């Protein structure tokens, strides 16, 4: 299964991604700002989602809102 970012680049475990759009976090009052970089991502069983560590919590991002850093 190939997981691709918004530009069509293939993502792997441990890559770094950058958010391309301001995103509100569901269930929280925080907002992920455009340009924020997440390091050491993990792929999920769904091809359109990745897991990222944000502080002490884990955030699941859709790959259409991030690009490989």
PDB file of N, CA and C in Angstrom:
ATOM      1  N   UNK A   1       0.841  -1.170   0.000  1.00  0.00           N
ATOM      2  CA  UNK A   1       0.000   0.000   0.000  1.00  0.00           C
ATOM      3  C   UNK A   1       0.895   1.246   0.000  1.00  0.00           C
ATOM      4  N   UNK A   2       0.709   2.113  -0.961  1.00  0.00           N
ATOM      5  CA  UNK A   2       1.477   3.353  -1.052  1.00  0.00           C
ATOM      6  C   UNK A   2       0.687   4.490  -0.416  1.00  0.00           C
ATOM      7  N   UNK A   3       1.330   5.219   0.483  1.00  0.00           N
ATOM      8  CA  UNK A   3       0.728   6.384   1.121  1.00  0.00           C
ATOM      9  C   UNK A   3       1.400   7.606   0.517  1.00  0.00           C
ATOM     10  N   UNK A   4       0.595   8.507  -0.068  1.00  0.00           N
ATOM     11  CA  UNK A   4       1.147   9.668  -0.754  1.00  0.00           C
ATOM     12  C   UNK A   4       0.660  10.951  -0.093  1.00  0.00           C
ATOM     13  N   UNK A   5       1.527  11.979  -0.114  1.00  0.00           N
ATOM     14  CA  UNK A   5       1.153  13.275   0.431  1.00  0.00           C
ATOM     15  C   UNK A   5       0.384  14.083  -0.616  1.00  0.00           C
ATOM     16  N   UNK A   6       0.140  15.359  -0.334  1.00  0.00           N
ATOM     17  CA  UNK A   6      -0.651  16.191  -1.241  1.00  0.00           C
ATOM     18  C   UNK A   6       0.035  16.422  -2.581  1.00  0.00           C
ATOM     19  N   UNK A   7       1.356  16.301  -2.637  1.00  0.00           N
ATOM     20  CA  UNK A   7       2.097  16.496  -3.884  1.00  0.00           C
ATOM     21  C   UNK A   7       2.364  15.203  -4.637  1.00  0.00           C
ATOM     22  N   UNK A   8       1.959  14.064  -4.080  1.00  0.00           N
ATOM     23  CA  UNK A   8       2.166  12.777  -4.746  1.00  0.00           C
ATOM     24  C   UNK A   8       3.437  12.064  -4.342  1.00  0.00           C
ATOM     25  N   UNK A   9       4.182  12.592  -3.362  1.00  0.00           N
ATOM     26  CA  UNK A   9       5.389  11.920  -2.875  1.00  0.00           C
ATOM     27  C   UNK A   9       5.004  10.786  -1.943  1.00  0.00           C
ATOM     28  N   UNK A  10       5.722   9.686  -2.017  1.00  0.00           N
ATOM     29  CA  UNK A  10       5.436   8.525  -1.182  1.00  0.00           C
ATOM     30  C   UNK A  10       5.981   8.751   0.233  1.00  0.00           C
ATOM     31  N   UNK A  11       5.149   8.488   1.243  1.00  0.00           N
ATOM     32  CA  UNK A  11       5.534   8.644   2.647  1.00  0.00           C
ATOM     33  C   UNK A  11       5.874   7.285   3.243  1.00  0.00           C
ATOM     34  N   UNK A  12       6.859   7.268   4.137  1.00  0.00           N
ATOM     35  CA  UNK A  12       7.283   6.061   4.842  1.00  0.00           C
ATOM     36  C   UNK A  12       7.290   6.343   6.336  1.00  0.00           C
ATOM     37  N   UNK A  13       7.346   5.270   7.141  1.00  0.00           N
ATOM     38  CA  UNK A  13       7.488   5.427   8.588  1.00  0.00           C
ATOM     39  C   UNK A  13       8.763   6.197   8.895  1.00  0.00           C
ATOM     40  N   UNK A  14       8.674   7.149   9.819  1.00  0.00           N
ATOM     41  CA  UNK A  14       9.840   7.898  10.232  1.00  0.00           C
ATOM     42  C   UNK A  14      10.096   9.166   9.439  1.00  0.00           C
ATOM     43  N   UNK A  15       9.329   9.428   8.385  1.00  0.00           N
ATOM     44  CA  UNK A  15       9.498  10.656   7.605  1.00  0.00           C
ATOM     45  C   UNK A  15       9.014  11.866   8.392  1.00  0.00           C
ATOM     46  N   UNK A  16       9.339  13.035   7.898  1.00  0.00           N
ATOM     47  CA  UNK A  16       8.845  14.293   8.452  1.00  0.00           C
ATOM     48  C   UNK A  16       7.855  14.890   7.464  1.00  0.00           C
ATOM     49  N   UNK A  17       6.760  15.460   7.981  1.00  0.00           N
ATOM     50  CA  UNK A  17       5.768  16.104   7.131  1.00  0.00           C
ATOM     51  C   UNK A  17       5.501  17.508   7.636  1.00  0.00           C
ATOM     52  N   UNK A  18       5.008  18.352   6.736  1.00  0.00           N
ATOM     53  CA  UNK A  18       4.688  19.731   7.039  1.00  0.00           C
ATOM     54  C   UNK A  18       3.223  19.965   6.701  1.00  0.00           C
ATOM     55  N   UNK A  19       2.498  20.654   7.603  1.00  0.00           N
ATOM     56  CA  UNK A  19       1.085  20.943   7.397  1.00  0.00           C
ATOM     57  C   UNK A  19       0.966  22.076   6.383  1.00  0.00           C
ATOM     58  N   UNK A  20       0.065  21.938   5.391  1.00  0.00           N
ATOM     59  CA  UNK A  20      -0.062  22.942   4.339  1.00  0.00           C
ATOM     60  C   UNK A  20      -1.256  23.873   4.554  1.00  0.00           C
ATOM     61  N   UNK A  21      -2.029  23.665   5.618  1.00  0.00           N
ATOM     62  CA  UNK A  21      -3.230  24.448   5.851  1.00  0.00           C
ATOM     63  C   UNK A  21      -3.500  24.481   7.350  1.00  0.00           C
ATOM     64  N   UNK A  22      -4.034  25.588   7.873  1.00  0.00           N
ATOM     65  CA  UNK A  22      -4.419  25.639   9.281  1.00  0.00           C
ATOM     66  C   UNK A  22      -5.536  24.627   9.529  1.00  0.00           C
ATOM     67  N   UNK A  23      -5.353  23.781  10.551  1.00  0.00           N
ATOM     68  CA  UNK A  23      -6.329  22.733  10.853  1.00  0.00           C
ATOM     69  C   UNK A  23      -6.755  22.810  12.304  1.00  0.00           C
ATOM     70  N   UNK A  24      -8.052  22.725  12.550  1.00  0.00           N
ATOM     71  CA  UNK A  24      -8.555  22.640  13.912  1.00  0.00           C
ATOM     72  C   UNK A  24      -8.510  21.179  14.335  1.00  0.00           C
ATOM     73  N   UNK A  25      -8.085  20.943  15.575  1.00  0.00           N
ATOM     74  CA  UNK A  25      -7.996  19.581  16.089  1.00  0.00           C
ATOM     75  C   UNK A  25      -9.342  19.218  16.701  1.00  0.00           C
ATOM     76  N   UNK A  26      -9.923  18.148  16.226  1.00  0.00           N
ATOM     77  CA  UNK A  26     -11.228  17.707  16.690  1.00  0.00           C
ATOM     78  C   UNK A  26     -11.133  17.252  18.148  1.00  0.00           C
ATOM     79  N   UNK A  27     -12.017  17.759  18.998  1.00  0.00           N
ATOM     80  CA  UNK A  27     -12.021  17.374  20.398  1.00  0.00           C
ATOM     81  C   UNK A  27     -11.046  18.156  21.253  1.00  0.00           C
ATOM     82  N   UNK A  28     -10.439  19.188  20.688  1.00  0.00           N
ATOM     83  CA  UNK A  28      -9.472  19.996  21.411  1.00  0.00           C
ATOM     84  C   UNK A  28      -9.622  21.453  20.980  1.00  0.00           C
ATOM     85  N   UNK A  29      -9.071  22.357  21.764  1.00  0.00           N
ATOM     86  CA  UNK A  29      -9.170  23.776  21.427  1.00  0.00           C
ATOM     87  C   UNK A  29      -7.953  24.265  20.654  1.00  0.00           C
ATOM     88  N   UNK A  30      -7.017  23.372  20.333  1.00  0.00           N
ATOM     89  CA  UNK A  30      -5.796  23.783  19.647  1.00  0.00           C
ATOM     90  C   UNK A  30      -5.976  23.789  18.132  1.00  0.00           C
ATOM     91  N   UNK A  31      -5.114  24.518  17.465  1.00  0.00           N
ATOM     92  CA  UNK A  31      -5.097  24.597  16.011  1.00  0.00           C
ATOM     93  C   UNK A  31      -3.690  24.298  15.522  1.00  0.00           C
ATOM     94  N   UNK A  32      -3.579  23.459  14.511  1.00  0.00           N
ATOM     95  CA  UNK A  32      -2.288  23.184  13.877  1.00  0.00           C
ATOM     96  C   UNK A  32      -2.073  24.249  12.815  1.00  0.00           C
ATOM     97  N   UNK A  33      -1.021  25.020  12.952  1.00  0.00           N
ATOM     98  CA  UNK A  33      -0.744  26.123  12.036  1.00  0.00           C
ATOM     99  C   UNK A  33      -0.064  25.631  10.766  1.00  0.00           C
ATOM    100  N   UNK A  34      -0.279  26.351   9.689  1.00  0.00           N
ATOM    101  CA  UNK A  34       0.359  26.031   8.417  1.00  0.00           C
ATOM    102  C   UNK A  34       1.865  26.150   8.570  1.00  0.00           C
ATOM    103  N   UNK A  35       2.594  25.160   8.074  1.00  0.00           N
ATOM    104  CA  UNK A  35       4.044  25.161   8.166  1.00  0.00           C
ATOM    105  C   UNK A  35       4.593  24.367   9.333  1.00  0.00           C
ATOM    106  N   UNK A  36       3.723  23.917  10.257  1.00  0.00           N
ATOM    107  CA  UNK A  36       4.186  23.131  11.399  1.00  0.00           C
ATOM    108  C   UNK A  36       4.718  21.785  10.908  1.00  0.00           C
ATOM    109  N   UNK A  37       5.877  21.387  11.431  1.00  0.00           N
ATOM    110  CA  UNK A  37       6.538  20.158  10.992  1.00  0.00           C
ATOM    111  C   UNK A  37       6.361  19.077  12.048  1.00  0.00           C
ATOM    112  N   UNK A  38       5.998  17.886  11.598  1.00  0.00           N
ATOM    113  CA  UNK A  38       5.906  16.715  12.459  1.00  0.00           C
ATOM    114  C   UNK A  38       6.969  15.726  12.022  1.00  0.00           C
ATOM    115  N   UNK A  39       7.777  15.298  12.973  1.00  0.00           N
ATOM    116  CA  UNK A  39       8.855  14.352  12.685  1.00  0.00           C
ATOM    117  C   UNK A  39       8.448  12.957  13.130  1.00  0.00           C
ATOM    118  N   UNK A  40       9.052  11.961  12.514  1.00  0.00           N
ATOM    119  CA  UNK A  40       8.873  10.568  12.889  1.00  0.00           C
ATOM    120  C   UNK A  40       7.403  10.145  12.842  1.00  0.00           C
ATOM    121  N   UNK A  41       6.790  10.254  11.660  1.00  0.00           N
ATOM    122  CA  UNK A  41       5.390   9.876  11.498  1.00  0.00           C
ATOM    123  C   UNK A  41       5.251   8.356  11.469  1.00  0.00           C
ATOM    124  N   UNK A  42       4.044   7.884  11.708  1.00  0.00           N
ATOM    125  CA  UNK A  42       3.728   6.463  11.627  1.00  0.00           C
ATOM    126  C   UNK A  42       2.561   6.278  10.660  1.00  0.00           C
ATOM    127  N   UNK A  43       2.656   5.285   9.807  1.00  0.00           N
ATOM    128  CA  UNK A  43       1.583   4.981   8.871  1.00  0.00           C
ATOM    129  C   UNK A  43       0.510   4.162   9.573  1.00  0.00           C
ATOM    130  N   UNK A  44      -0.734   4.347   9.175  1.00  0.00           N
ATOM    131  CA  UNK A  44      -1.849   3.598   9.744  1.00  0.00           C
ATOM    132  C   UNK A  44      -2.323   2.565   8.730  1.00  0.00           C
ATOM    133  N   UNK A  45      -3.354   1.829   9.081  1.00  0.00           N
ATOM    134  CA  UNK A  45      -3.893   0.821   8.169  1.00  0.00           C
ATOM    135  C   UNK A  45      -4.669   1.463   7.014  1.00  0.00           C
ATOM    136  N   UNK A  46      -5.064   2.725   7.165  1.00  0.00           N
ATOM    137  CA  UNK A  46      -5.761   3.439   6.097  1.00  0.00           C
ATOM    138  C   UNK A  46      -4.742   4.219   5.279  1.00  0.00           C
ATOM    139  N   UNK A  47      -4.877   4.197   3.974  1.00  0.00           N
ATOM    140  CA  UNK A  47      -3.883   4.838   3.105  1.00  0.00           C
ATOM    141  C   UNK A  47      -3.959   6.356   3.135  1.00  0.00           C
ATOM    142  N   UNK A  48      -5.035   6.939   3.611  1.00  0.00           N
ATOM    143  CA  UNK A  48      -5.179   8.387   3.621  1.00  0.00           C
ATOM    144  C   UNK A  48      -4.902   9.035   4.953  1.00  0.00           C
ATOM    145  N   UNK A  49      -4.364   8.285   5.924  1.00  0.00           N
ATOM    146  CA  UNK A  49      -4.136   8.831   7.261  1.00  0.00           C
ATOM    147  C   UNK A  49      -2.748   8.461   7.773  1.00  0.00           C
ATOM    148  N   UNK A  50      -2.164   9.375   8.583  1.00  0.00           N
ATOM    149  CA  UNK A  50      -0.894   9.124   9.262  1.00  0.00           C
ATOM    150  C   UNK A  50      -1.025   9.576  10.705  1.00  0.00           C
ATOM    151  N   UNK A  51      -0.206   9.000  11.587  1.00  0.00           N
ATOM    152  CA  UNK A  51      -0.185   9.392  12.996  1.00  0.00           C
ATOM    153  C   UNK A  51       1.047  10.234  13.255  1.00  0.00           C
ATOM    154  N   UNK A  52       0.859  11.321  14.025  1.00  0.00           N
ATOM    155  CA  UNK A  52       1.947  12.229  14.362  1.00  0.00           C
ATOM    156  C   UNK A  52       1.886  12.523  15.853  1.00  0.00           C
ATOM    157  N   UNK A  53       3.037  12.726  16.450  1.00  0.00           N
ATOM    158  CA  UNK A  53       3.097  13.109  17.853  1.00  0.00           C
ATOM    159  C   UNK A  53       3.050  14.620  17.976  1.00  0.00           C
ATOM    160  N   UNK A  54       2.097  15.113  18.760  1.00  0.00           N
ATOM    161  CA  UNK A  54       1.964  16.554  18.982  1.00  0.00           C
ATOM    162  C   UNK A  54       2.007  16.795  20.478  1.00  0.00           C
ATOM    163  N   UNK A  55       3.179  17.117  20.988  1.00  0.00           N
ATOM    164  CA  UNK A  55       3.324  17.268  22.431  1.00  0.00           C
ATOM    165  C   UNK A  55       3.224  15.916  23.098  1.00  0.00           C
ATOM    166  N   UNK A  56       2.300  15.776  24.040  1.00  0.00           N
ATOM    167  CA  UNK A  56       2.102  14.506  24.737  1.00  0.00           C
ATOM    168  C   UNK A  56       1.020  13.657  24.103  1.00  0.00           C
ATOM    169  N   UNK A  57       0.341  14.173  23.090  1.00  0.00           N
ATOM    170  CA  UNK A  57      -0.759  13.438  22.476  1.00  0.00           C
ATOM    171  C   UNK A  57      -0.386  13.000  21.054  1.00  0.00           C
ATOM    172  N   UNK A  58      -1.204  12.120  20.521  1.00  0.00           N
ATOM    173  CA  UNK A  58      -1.032  11.633  19.158  1.00  0.00           C
ATOM    174  C   UNK A  58      -2.164  12.179  18.304  1.00  0.00           C
ATOM    175  N   UNK A  59      -1.828  12.712  17.136  1.00  0.00           N
ATOM    176  CA  UNK A  59      -2.803  13.297  16.227  1.00  0.00           C
ATOM    177  C   UNK A  59      -2.804  12.486  14.943  1.00  0.00           C
ATOM    178  N   UNK A  60      -3.988  12.207  14.415  1.00  0.00           N
ATOM    179  CA  UNK A  60      -4.112  11.523  13.134  1.00  0.00           C
ATOM    180  C   UNK A  60      -4.418  12.578  12.079  1.00  0.00           C
ATOM    181  N   UNK A  61      -3.553  12.674  11.070  1.00  0.00           N
ATOM    182  CA  UNK A  61      -3.714  13.657   9.997  1.00  0.00           C
ATOM    183  C   UNK A  61      -4.082  12.967   8.699  1.00  0.00           C
ATOM    184  N   UNK A  62      -4.903  13.629   7.912  1.00  0.00           N
ATOM    185  CA  UNK A  62      -5.164  13.148   6.561  1.00  0.00           C
ATOM    186  C   UNK A  62      -3.999  13.589   5.685  1.00  0.00           C
ATOM    187  N   UNK A  63      -3.581  12.718   4.790  1.00  0.00           N
ATOM    188  CA  UNK A  63      -2.407  12.994   3.976  1.00  0.00           C
ATOM    189  C   UNK A  63      -2.657  14.105   2.967  1.00  0.00           C
ATOM    190  N   UNK A  64      -3.883  14.471   2.701  1.00  0.00           N
ATOM    191  CA  UNK A  64      -4.163  15.540   1.739  1.00  0.00           C
ATOM    192  C   UNK A  64      -3.821  16.914   2.307  1.00  0.00           C
ATOM    193  N   UNK A  65      -3.584  17.016   3.627  1.00  0.00           N
ATOM    194  CA  UNK A  65      -3.255  18.285   4.265  1.00  0.00           C
ATOM    195  C   UNK A  65      -1.792  18.398   4.673  1.00  0.00           C
ATOM    196  N   UNK A  66      -0.944  17.506   4.194  1.00  0.00           N
ATOM    197  CA  UNK A  66       0.473  17.585   4.551  1.00  0.00           C
ATOM    198  C   UNK A  66       1.344  17.239   3.354  1.00  0.00           C
ATOM    199  N   UNK A  67       2.589  17.735   3.416  1.00  0.00           N
ATOM    200  CA  UNK A  67       3.559  17.446   2.378  1.00  0.00           C
ATOM    201  C   UNK A  67       4.845  16.994   3.038  1.00  0.00           C
ATOM    202  N   UNK A  68       5.629  16.233   2.308  1.00  0.00           N
ATOM    203  CA  UNK A  68       6.886  15.704   2.830  1.00  0.00           C
ATOM    204  C   UNK A  68       7.871  16.844   3.051  1.00  0.00           C
ATOM    205  N   UNK A  69       8.484  16.870   4.234  1.00  0.00           N
ATOM    206  CA  UNK A  69       9.416  17.966   4.570  1.00  0.00           C
ATOM    207  C   UNK A  69      10.837  17.611   4.232  1.00  0.00           C
TER     208      UNK A  69
END
